């Protein structure tokens, strides 16, 4: 048994059939490397009929436009923040 197995060792008696002597505290080998996390992968798909393909395409286009608008806002805020910091910075920081 390796110490990385993480098993609790049993106390052993002195004679065959004898009651094991109680240990002052259990000896536990803890693994050096943690066990891998339980990873579950789900895969989803959708089958669209001809009647809803146009509506689905429209929703995808709206989602992309919303994403692009959010990114524009984030970039604008970031640019304004940098300009504000540089405006108040000293000449060494501006250089």
PDB file of N, CA and C in Angstrom:
ATOM      1  N   UNK A   1       0.840  -1.176   0.000  1.00  0.00           N
ATOM      2  CA  UNK A   1       0.000   0.000   0.000  1.00  0.00           C
ATOM      3  C   UNK A   1       0.882   1.235   0.000  1.00  0.00           C
ATOM      4  N   UNK A   2       0.541   2.175  -0.828  1.00  0.00           N
ATOM      5  CA  UNK A   2       1.254   3.448  -0.879  1.00  0.00           C
ATOM      6  C   UNK A   2       0.585   4.431   0.072  1.00  0.00           C
ATOM      7  N   UNK A   3       1.355   5.389   0.529  1.00  0.00           N
ATOM      8  CA  UNK A   3       0.758   6.380   1.422  1.00  0.00           C
ATOM      9  C   UNK A   3      -0.273   7.232   0.700  1.00  0.00           C
ATOM     10  N   UNK A   4      -0.214   7.293  -0.622  1.00  0.00           N
ATOM     11  CA  UNK A   4      -1.166   8.100  -1.380  1.00  0.00           C
ATOM     12  C   UNK A   4      -2.510   7.401  -1.538  1.00  0.00           C
ATOM     13  N   UNK A   5      -2.618   6.122  -1.124  1.00  0.00           N
ATOM     14  CA  UNK A   5      -3.875   5.406  -1.268  1.00  0.00           C
ATOM     15  C   UNK A   5      -4.945   5.912  -0.313  1.00  0.00           C
ATOM     16  N   UNK A   6      -4.528   6.492   0.817  1.00  0.00           N
ATOM     17  CA  UNK A   6      -5.480   7.100   1.738  1.00  0.00           C
ATOM     18  C   UNK A   6      -6.286   6.109   2.552  1.00  0.00           C
ATOM     19  N   UNK A   7      -5.760   4.926   2.849  1.00  0.00           N
ATOM     20  CA  UNK A   7      -6.479   3.936   3.642  1.00  0.00           C
ATOM     21  C   UNK A   7      -6.180   4.117   5.116  1.00  0.00           C
ATOM     22  N   UNK A   8      -7.155   3.759   5.942  1.00  0.00           N
ATOM     23  CA  UNK A   8      -6.972   3.754   7.377  1.00  0.00           C
ATOM     24  C   UNK A   8      -6.376   2.411   7.756  1.00  0.00           C
ATOM     25  N   UNK A   9      -5.225   2.426   8.414  1.00  0.00           N
ATOM     26  CA  UNK A   9      -4.578   1.177   8.792  1.00  0.00           C
ATOM     27  C   UNK A   9      -5.269   0.591  10.019  1.00  0.00           C
ATOM     28  N   UNK A  10      -5.392  -0.731  10.056  1.00  0.00           N
ATOM     29  CA  UNK A  10      -6.044  -1.394  11.177  1.00  0.00           C
ATOM     30  C   UNK A  10      -5.022  -1.685  12.267  1.00  0.00           C
ATOM     31  N   UNK A  11      -5.470  -1.622  13.528  1.00  0.00           N
ATOM     32  CA  UNK A  11      -4.605  -2.010  14.635  1.00  0.00           C
ATOM     33  C   UNK A  11      -4.510  -3.528  14.651  1.00  0.00           C
ATOM     34  N   UNK A  12      -3.351  -4.091  14.968  1.00  0.00           N
ATOM     35  CA  UNK A  12      -3.155  -5.537  14.959  1.00  0.00           C
ATOM     36  C   UNK A  12      -2.954  -6.040  16.385  1.00  0.00           C
ATOM     37  N   UNK A  13      -3.535  -7.219  16.668  1.00  0.00           N
ATOM     38  CA  UNK A  13      -3.355  -7.843  17.967  1.00  0.00           C
ATOM     39  C   UNK A  13      -2.014  -8.569  18.032  1.00  0.00           C
ATOM     40  N   UNK A  14      -1.646  -9.018  19.215  1.00  0.00           N
ATOM     41  CA  UNK A  14      -0.361  -9.702  19.371  1.00  0.00           C
ATOM     42  C   UNK A  14      -0.461 -11.187  19.064  1.00  0.00           C
ATOM     43  N   UNK A  15      -1.649 -11.782  19.214  1.00  0.00           N
ATOM     44  CA  UNK A  15      -1.828 -13.205  18.950  1.00  0.00           C
ATOM     45  C   UNK A  15      -2.976 -13.390  17.978  1.00  0.00           C
ATOM     46  N   UNK A  16      -2.982 -14.548  17.295  1.00  0.00           N
ATOM     47  CA  UNK A  16      -4.066 -14.852  16.381  1.00  0.00           C
ATOM     48  C   UNK A  16      -5.343 -15.019  17.192  1.00  0.00           C
ATOM     49  N   UNK A  17      -6.384 -14.341  16.780  1.00  0.00           N
ATOM     50  CA  UNK A  17      -7.665 -14.402  17.468  1.00  0.00           C
ATOM     51  C   UNK A  17      -7.779 -13.456  18.644  1.00  0.00           C
ATOM     52  N   UNK A  18      -6.692 -12.780  18.988  1.00  0.00           N
ATOM     53  CA  UNK A  18      -6.742 -11.850  20.126  1.00  0.00           C
ATOM     54  C   UNK A  18      -7.438 -10.566  19.697  1.00  0.00           C
ATOM     55  N   UNK A  19      -8.018  -9.901  20.653  1.00  0.00           N
ATOM     56  CA  UNK A  19      -8.677  -8.626  20.381  1.00  0.00           C
ATOM     57  C   UNK A  19      -7.608  -7.571  20.113  1.00  0.00           C
ATOM     58  N   UNK A  20      -7.780  -6.806  19.035  1.00  0.00           N
ATOM     59  CA  UNK A  20      -6.779  -5.783  18.733  1.00  0.00           C
ATOM     60  C   UNK A  20      -6.690  -4.753  19.842  1.00  0.00           C
ATOM     61  N   UNK A  21      -5.484  -4.323  20.119  1.00  0.00           N
ATOM     62  CA  UNK A  21      -5.272  -3.281  21.122  1.00  0.00           C
ATOM     63  C   UNK A  21      -5.741  -1.954  20.550  1.00  0.00           C
ATOM     64  N   UNK A  22      -6.441  -1.170  21.339  1.00  0.00           N
ATOM     65  CA  UNK A  22      -6.904   0.118  20.814  1.00  0.00           C
ATOM     66  C   UNK A  22      -5.718   1.055  20.584  1.00  0.00           C
ATOM     67  N   UNK A  23      -5.753   1.717  19.474  1.00  0.00           N
ATOM     68  CA  UNK A  23      -4.697   2.672  19.148  1.00  0.00           C
ATOM     69  C   UNK A  23      -5.015   4.001  19.823  1.00  0.00           C
ATOM     70  N   UNK A  24      -3.984   4.754  20.255  1.00  0.00           N
ATOM     71  CA  UNK A  24      -4.265   6.056  20.875  1.00  0.00           C
ATOM     72  C   UNK A  24      -4.974   7.007  19.914  1.00  0.00           C
ATOM     73  N   UNK A  25      -4.638   6.919  18.649  1.00  0.00           N
ATOM     74  CA  UNK A  25      -5.343   7.670  17.612  1.00  0.00           C
ATOM     75  C   UNK A  25      -5.157   6.912  16.311  1.00  0.00           C
ATOM     76  N   UNK A  26      -6.142   6.934  15.445  1.00  0.00           N
ATOM     77  CA  UNK A  26      -6.017   6.172  14.198  1.00  0.00           C
ATOM     78  C   UNK A  26      -4.933   6.774  13.310  1.00  0.00           C
ATOM     79  N   UNK A  27      -4.195   5.900  12.649  1.00  0.00           N
ATOM     80  CA  UNK A  27      -3.162   6.334  11.714  1.00  0.00           C
ATOM     81  C   UNK A  27      -3.798   6.428  10.345  1.00  0.00           C
ATOM     82  N   UNK A  28      -3.813   7.601   9.787  1.00  0.00           N
ATOM     83  CA  UNK A  28      -4.465   7.820   8.512  1.00  0.00           C
ATOM     84  C   UNK A  28      -3.454   8.387   7.529  1.00  0.00           C
ATOM     85  N   UNK A  29      -3.276   7.679   6.439  1.00  0.00           N
ATOM     86  CA  UNK A  29      -2.432   8.193   5.371  1.00  0.00           C
ATOM     87  C   UNK A  29      -3.290   9.087   4.501  1.00  0.00           C
ATOM     88  N   UNK A  30      -2.902  10.342   4.384  1.00  0.00           N
ATOM     89  CA  UNK A  30      -3.644  11.270   3.538  1.00  0.00           C
ATOM     90  C   UNK A  30      -2.962  11.342   2.180  1.00  0.00           C
ATOM     91  N   UNK A  31      -3.737  11.372   1.112  1.00  0.00           N
ATOM     92  CA  UNK A  31      -3.116  11.438  -0.215  1.00  0.00           C
ATOM     93  C   UNK A  31      -2.377  12.756  -0.412  1.00  0.00           C
ATOM     94  N   UNK A  32      -1.269  12.685  -1.110  1.00  0.00           N
ATOM     95  CA  UNK A  32      -0.490  13.884  -1.413  1.00  0.00           C
ATOM     96  C   UNK A  32      -1.133  14.683  -2.530  1.00  0.00           C
ATOM     97  N   UNK A  33      -1.799  13.999  -3.414  1.00  0.00           N
ATOM     98  CA  UNK A  33      -2.450  14.648  -4.549  1.00  0.00           C
ATOM     99  C   UNK A  33      -3.952  14.428  -4.399  1.00  0.00           C
ATOM    100  N   UNK A  34      -4.715  15.490  -4.529  1.00  0.00           N
ATOM    101  CA  UNK A  34      -6.156  15.352  -4.364  1.00  0.00           C
ATOM    102  C   UNK A  34      -6.743  14.555  -5.524  1.00  0.00           C
ATOM    103  N   UNK A  35      -7.844  13.892  -5.239  1.00  0.00           N
ATOM    104  CA  UNK A  35      -8.522  13.099  -6.260  1.00  0.00           C
ATOM    105  C   UNK A  35      -9.109  14.036  -7.312  1.00  0.00           C
ATOM    106  N   UNK A  36      -9.189  13.594  -8.561  1.00  0.00           N
ATOM    107  CA  UNK A  36      -9.775  14.457  -9.590  1.00  0.00           C
ATOM    108  C   UNK A  36     -11.250  14.716  -9.305  1.00  0.00           C
ATOM    109  N   UNK A  37     -11.692  15.891  -9.660  1.00  0.00           N
ATOM    110  CA  UNK A  37     -13.093  16.258  -9.435  1.00  0.00           C
ATOM    111  C   UNK A  37     -13.988  15.427 -10.345  1.00  0.00           C
ATOM    112  N   UNK A  38     -15.213  15.229  -9.896  1.00  0.00           N
ATOM    113  CA  UNK A  38     -16.187  14.539 -10.743  1.00  0.00           C
ATOM    114  C   UNK A  38     -16.592  15.503 -11.851  1.00  0.00           C
ATOM    115  N   UNK A  39     -16.290  15.139 -13.064  1.00  0.00           N
ATOM    116  CA  UNK A  39     -16.571  16.007 -14.200  1.00  0.00           C
ATOM    117  C   UNK A  39     -17.657  15.359 -15.041  1.00  0.00           C
ATOM    118  N   UNK A  40     -18.702  16.110 -15.285  1.00  0.00           N
ATOM    119  CA  UNK A  40     -19.802  15.617 -16.099  1.00  0.00           C
ATOM    120  C   UNK A  40     -19.965  16.570 -17.272  1.00  0.00           C
ATOM    121  N   UNK A  41     -20.042  16.034 -18.452  1.00  0.00           N
ATOM    122  CA  UNK A  41     -20.204  16.853 -19.646  1.00  0.00           C
ATOM    123  C   UNK A  41     -21.575  16.562 -20.237  1.00  0.00           C
ATOM    124  N   UNK A  42     -22.344  17.606 -20.414  1.00  0.00           N
ATOM    125  CA  UNK A  42     -23.654  17.465 -21.033  1.00  0.00           C
ATOM    126  C   UNK A  42     -23.599  18.068 -22.429  1.00  0.00           C
ATOM    127  N   UNK A  43     -24.269  17.453 -23.343  1.00  0.00           N
ATOM    128  CA  UNK A  43     -24.301  17.951 -24.703  1.00  0.00           C
ATOM    129  C   UNK A  43     -25.769  18.145 -25.082  1.00  0.00           C
ATOM    130  N   UNK A  44     -26.122  19.339 -25.486  1.00  0.00           N
ATOM    131  CA  UNK A  44     -27.493  19.625 -25.846  1.00  0.00           C
ATOM    132  C   UNK A  44     -27.545  20.035 -27.318  1.00  0.00           C
ATOM    133  N   UNK A  45     -28.634  19.751 -27.929  1.00  0.00           N
ATOM    134  CA  UNK A  45     -28.832  20.186 -29.307  1.00  0.00           C
ATOM    135  C   UNK A  45     -30.319  20.445 -29.502  1.00  0.00           C
ATOM    136  N   UNK A  46     -30.630  21.082 -30.589  1.00  0.00           N
ATOM    137  CA  UNK A  46     -32.025  21.375 -30.899  1.00  0.00           C
ATOM    138  C   UNK A  46     -32.277  21.057 -32.364  1.00  0.00           C
ATOM    139  N   UNK A  47     -33.414  20.483 -32.605  1.00  0.00           N
ATOM    140  CA  UNK A  47     -33.825  20.221 -33.990  1.00  0.00           C
ATOM    141  C   UNK A  47     -34.922  21.221 -34.324  1.00  0.00           C
ATOM    142  N   UNK A  48     -34.670  22.028 -35.320  1.00  0.00           N
ATOM    143  CA  UNK A  48     -35.610  23.083 -35.680  1.00  0.00           C
ATOM    144  C   UNK A  48     -36.357  22.683 -36.942  1.00  0.00           C
ATOM    145  N   UNK A  49     -37.649  22.889 -36.925  1.00  0.00           N
ATOM    146  CA  UNK A  49     -38.389  22.649 -38.163  1.00  0.00           C
ATOM    147  C   UNK A  49     -38.357  23.909 -39.012  1.00  0.00           C
ATOM    148  N   UNK A  50     -38.856  23.812 -40.198  1.00  0.00           N
ATOM    149  CA  UNK A  50     -38.770  24.929 -41.149  1.00  0.00           C
ATOM    150  C   UNK A  50     -39.506  26.163 -40.657  1.00  0.00           C
ATOM    151  N   UNK A  51     -40.545  25.968 -39.866  1.00  0.00           N
ATOM    152  CA  UNK A  51     -41.354  27.107 -39.414  1.00  0.00           C
ATOM    153  C   UNK A  51     -40.621  27.985 -38.403  1.00  0.00           C
ATOM    154  N   UNK A  52     -39.699  27.418 -37.641  1.00  0.00           N
ATOM    155  CA  UNK A  52     -39.068  28.222 -36.587  1.00  0.00           C
ATOM    156  C   UNK A  52     -37.600  28.549 -36.886  1.00  0.00           C
ATOM    157  N   UNK A  53     -37.079  28.143 -38.015  1.00  0.00           N
ATOM    158  CA  UNK A  53     -35.676  28.453 -38.343  1.00  0.00           C
ATOM    159  C   UNK A  53     -35.449  29.954 -38.427  1.00  0.00           C
ATOM    160  N   UNK A  54     -36.349  30.680 -39.017  1.00  0.00           N
ATOM    161  CA  UNK A  54     -36.204  32.134 -39.161  1.00  0.00           C
ATOM    162  C   UNK A  54     -36.247  32.807 -37.789  1.00  0.00           C
ATOM    163  N   UNK A  55     -37.153  32.356 -36.912  1.00  0.00           N
ATOM    164  CA  UNK A  55     -37.249  32.948 -35.569  1.00  0.00           C
ATOM    165  C   UNK A  55     -35.986  32.649 -34.766  1.00  0.00           C
ATOM    166  N   UNK A  56     -35.447  31.447 -34.891  1.00  0.00           N
ATOM    167  CA  UNK A  56     -34.218  31.098 -34.174  1.00  0.00           C
ATOM    168  C   UNK A  56     -33.049  31.928 -34.697  1.00  0.00           C
ATOM    169  N   UNK A  57     -32.953  32.099 -36.002  1.00  0.00           N
ATOM    170  CA  UNK A  57     -31.880  32.912 -36.582  1.00  0.00           C
ATOM    171  C   UNK A  57     -31.991  34.358 -36.103  1.00  0.00           C
ATOM    172  N   UNK A  58     -33.237  34.861 -35.999  1.00  0.00           N
ATOM    173  CA  UNK A  58     -33.435  36.228 -35.520  1.00  0.00           C
ATOM    174  C   UNK A  58     -32.985  36.361 -34.062  1.00  0.00           C
ATOM    175  N   UNK A  59     -33.293  35.387 -33.222  1.00  0.00           N
ATOM    176  CA  UNK A  59     -32.880  35.428 -31.827  1.00  0.00           C
ATOM    177  C   UNK A  59     -31.365  35.354 -31.689  1.00  0.00           C
ATOM    178  N   UNK A  60     -30.715  34.542 -32.523  1.00  0.00           N
ATOM    179  CA  UNK A  60     -29.251  34.454 -32.494  1.00  0.00           C
ATOM    180  C   UNK A  60     -28.648  35.788 -32.903  1.00  0.00           C
ATOM    181  N   UNK A  61     -29.211  36.422 -33.932  1.00  0.00           N
ATOM    182  CA  UNK A  61     -28.728  37.738 -34.372  1.00  0.00           C
ATOM    183  C   UNK A  61     -28.909  38.776 -33.267  1.00  0.00           C
ATOM    184  N   UNK A  62     -30.061  38.748 -32.577  1.00  0.00           N
ATOM    185  CA  UNK A  62     -30.297  39.691 -31.478  1.00  0.00           C
ATOM    186  C   UNK A  62     -29.303  39.457 -30.339  1.00  0.00           C
ATOM    187  N   UNK A  63     -29.007  38.185 -30.030  1.00  0.00           N
ATOM    188  CA  UNK A  63     -28.047  37.875 -28.963  1.00  0.00           C
ATOM    189  C   UNK A  63     -26.660  38.385 -29.328  1.00  0.00           C
ATOM    190  N   UNK A  64     -26.266  38.213 -30.577  1.00  0.00           N
ATOM    191  CA  UNK A  64     -24.951  38.713 -31.014  1.00  0.00           C
ATOM    192  C   UNK A  64     -24.894  40.226 -30.956  1.00  0.00           C
ATOM    193  N   UNK A  65     -25.957  40.897 -31.363  1.00  0.00           N
ATOM    194  CA  UNK A  65     -25.987  42.360 -31.300  1.00  0.00           C
ATOM    195  C   UNK A  65     -25.918  42.850 -29.845  1.00  0.00           C
ATOM    196  N   UNK A  66     -26.636  42.169 -28.954  1.00  0.00           N
ATOM    197  CA  UNK A  66     -26.592  42.539 -27.543  1.00  0.00           C
ATOM    198  C   UNK A  66     -25.188  42.340 -26.982  1.00  0.00           C
ATOM    199  N   UNK A  67     -24.551  41.222 -27.316  1.00  0.00           N
ATOM    200  CA  UNK A  67     -23.186  40.962 -26.858  1.00  0.00           C
ATOM    201  C   UNK A  67     -22.246  42.065 -27.343  1.00  0.00           C
ATOM    202  N   UNK A  68     -22.343  42.428 -28.622  1.00  0.00           N
ATOM    203  CA  UNK A  68     -21.478  43.475 -29.170  1.00  0.00           C
ATOM    204  C   UNK A  68     -21.734  44.819 -28.484  1.00  0.00           C
ATOM    205  N   UNK A  69     -22.987  45.125 -28.159  1.00  0.00           N
ATOM    206  CA  UNK A  69     -23.303  46.373 -27.465  1.00  0.00           C
ATOM    207  C   UNK A  69     -22.703  46.372 -26.058  1.00  0.00           C
ATOM    208  N   UNK A  70     -22.773  45.245 -25.369  1.00  0.00           N
ATOM    209  CA  UNK A  70     -22.192  45.152 -24.024  1.00  0.00           C
ATOM    210  C   UNK A  70     -20.683  45.347 -24.100  1.00  0.00           C
ATOM    211  N   UNK A  71     -20.033  44.733 -25.072  1.00  0.00           N
ATOM    212  CA  UNK A  71     -18.581  44.885 -25.233  1.00  0.00           C
ATOM    213  C   UNK A  71     -18.221  46.334 -25.536  1.00  0.00           C
ATOM    214  N   UNK A  72     -19.014  47.016 -26.361  1.00  0.00           N
ATOM    215  CA  UNK A  72     -18.759  48.442 -26.639  1.00  0.00           C
ATOM    216  C   UNK A  72     -18.847  49.259 -25.356  1.00  0.00           C
ATOM    217  N   UNK A  73     -19.837  48.969 -24.515  1.00  0.00           N
ATOM    218  CA  UNK A  73     -19.976  49.690 -23.241  1.00  0.00           C
ATOM    219  C   UNK A  73     -18.795  49.422 -22.320  1.00  0.00           C
ATOM    220  N   UNK A  74     -18.358  48.164 -22.239  1.00  0.00           N
ATOM    221  CA  UNK A  74     -17.219  47.825 -21.389  1.00  0.00           C
ATOM    222  C   UNK A  74     -15.973  48.553 -21.875  1.00  0.00           C
ATOM    223  N   UNK A  75     -15.758  48.571 -23.173  1.00  0.00           N
ATOM    224  CA  UNK A  75     -14.581  49.264 -23.723  1.00  0.00           C
ATOM    225  C   UNK A  75     -14.660  50.765 -23.476  1.00  0.00           C
ATOM    226  N   UNK A  76     -15.852  51.344 -23.589  1.00  0.00           N
ATOM    227  CA  UNK A  76     -15.999  52.783 -23.343  1.00  0.00           C
ATOM    228  C   UNK A  76     -15.700  53.108 -21.885  1.00  0.00           C
ATOM    229  N   UNK A  77     -16.230  52.320 -20.972  1.00  0.00           N
ATOM    230  CA  UNK A  77     -15.974  52.551 -19.546  1.00  0.00           C
ATOM    231  C   UNK A  77     -14.493  52.382 -19.246  1.00  0.00           C
ATOM    232  N   UNK A  78     -13.872  51.367 -19.824  1.00  0.00           N
ATOM    233  CA  UNK A  78     -12.443  51.135 -19.603  1.00  0.00           C
ATOM    234  C   UNK A  78     -11.621  52.308 -20.129  1.00  0.00           C
ATOM    235  N   UNK A  79     -11.958  52.800 -21.314  1.00  0.00           N
ATOM    236  CA  UNK A  79     -11.241  53.946 -21.876  1.00  0.00           C
ATOM    237  C   UNK A  79     -11.405  55.199 -21.045  1.00  0.00           C
ATOM    238  N   UNK A  80     -12.643  55.457 -20.586  1.00  0.00           N
ATOM    239  CA  UNK A  80     -12.886  56.627 -19.741  1.00  0.00           C
ATOM    240  C   UNK A  80     -12.155  56.499 -18.408  1.00  0.00           C
ATOM    241  N   UNK A  81     -12.111  55.293 -17.863  1.00  0.00           N
ATOM    242  CA  UNK A  81     -11.409  55.081 -16.606  1.00  0.00           C
ATOM    243  C   UNK A  81      -9.911  55.353 -16.775  1.00  0.00           C
ATOM    244  N   UNK A  82      -9.329  54.845 -17.841  1.00  0.00           N
ATOM    245  CA  UNK A  82      -7.902  55.091 -18.086  1.00  0.00           C
ATOM    246  C   UNK A  82      -7.627  56.577 -18.290  1.00  0.00           C
ATOM    247  N   UNK A  83      -8.497  57.262 -19.034  1.00  0.00           N
ATOM    248  CA  UNK A  83      -8.324  58.697 -19.256  1.00  0.00           C
ATOM    249  C   UNK A  83      -8.406  59.458 -17.936  1.00  0.00           C
ATOM    250  N   UNK A  84      -9.351  59.072 -17.054  1.00  0.00           N
ATOM    251  CA  UNK A  84      -9.512  59.729 -15.760  1.00  0.00           C
ATOM    252  C   UNK A  84      -8.273  59.532 -14.895  1.00  0.00           C
ATOM    253  N   UNK A  85      -7.735  58.317 -14.878  1.00  0.00           N
ATOM    254  CA  UNK A  85      -6.547  58.043 -14.078  1.00  0.00           C
ATOM    255  C   UNK A  85      -5.350  58.819 -14.622  1.00  0.00           C
ATOM    256  N   UNK A  86      -5.159  58.814 -15.937  1.00  0.00           N
ATOM    257  CA  UNK A  86      -4.022  59.524 -16.526  1.00  0.00           C
ATOM    258  C   UNK A  86      -4.143  61.036 -16.348  1.00  0.00           C
ATOM    259  N   UNK A  87      -5.357  61.552 -16.326  1.00  0.00           N
ATOM    260  CA  UNK A  87      -5.566  62.984 -16.131  1.00  0.00           C
ATOM    261  C   UNK A  87      -5.080  63.423 -14.749  1.00  0.00           C
ATOM    262  N   UNK A  88      -5.226  62.556 -13.765  1.00  0.00           N
ATOM    263  CA  UNK A  88      -4.835  62.872 -12.402  1.00  0.00           C
ATOM    264  C   UNK A  88      -3.439  62.371 -12.056  1.00  0.00           C
ATOM    265  N   UNK A  89      -2.810  61.661 -12.969  1.00  0.00           N
ATOM    266  CA  UNK A  89      -1.475  61.096 -12.707  1.00  0.00           C
ATOM    267  C   UNK A  89      -0.408  62.159 -12.889  1.00  0.00           C
ATOM    268  N   UNK A  90       0.720  61.897 -12.314  1.00  0.00           N
ATOM    269  CA  UNK A  90       1.845  62.810 -12.468  1.00  0.00           C
ATOM    270  C   UNK A  90       2.522  62.635 -13.821  1.00  0.00           C
ATOM    271  N   UNK A  91       3.483  63.492 -14.125  1.00  0.00           N
ATOM    272  CA  UNK A  91       4.145  63.444 -15.434  1.00  0.00           C
ATOM    273  C   UNK A  91       4.899  62.139 -15.651  1.00  0.00           C
ATOM    274  N   UNK A  92       5.452  61.572 -14.606  1.00  0.00           N
ATOM    275  CA  UNK A  92       6.200  60.315 -14.739  1.00  0.00           C
ATOM    276  C   UNK A  92       5.260  59.173 -15.158  1.00  0.00           C
ATOM    277  N   UNK A  93       4.065  59.157 -14.570  1.00  0.00           N
ATOM    278  CA  UNK A  93       3.096  58.115 -14.919  1.00  0.00           C
ATOM    279  C   UNK A  93       2.560  58.328 -16.336  1.00  0.00           C
ATOM    280  N   UNK A  94       2.398  59.585 -16.730  1.00  0.00           N
ATOM    281  CA  UNK A  94       1.919  59.863 -18.084  1.00  0.00           C
ATOM    282  C   UNK A  94       2.948  59.444 -19.124  1.00  0.00           C
ATOM    283  N   UNK A  95       4.213  59.564 -18.785  1.00  0.00           N
ATOM    284  CA  UNK A  95       5.266  59.182 -19.721  1.00  0.00           C
ATOM    285  C   UNK A  95       5.286  57.667 -19.865  1.00  0.00           C
TER     286      UNK A  95
END
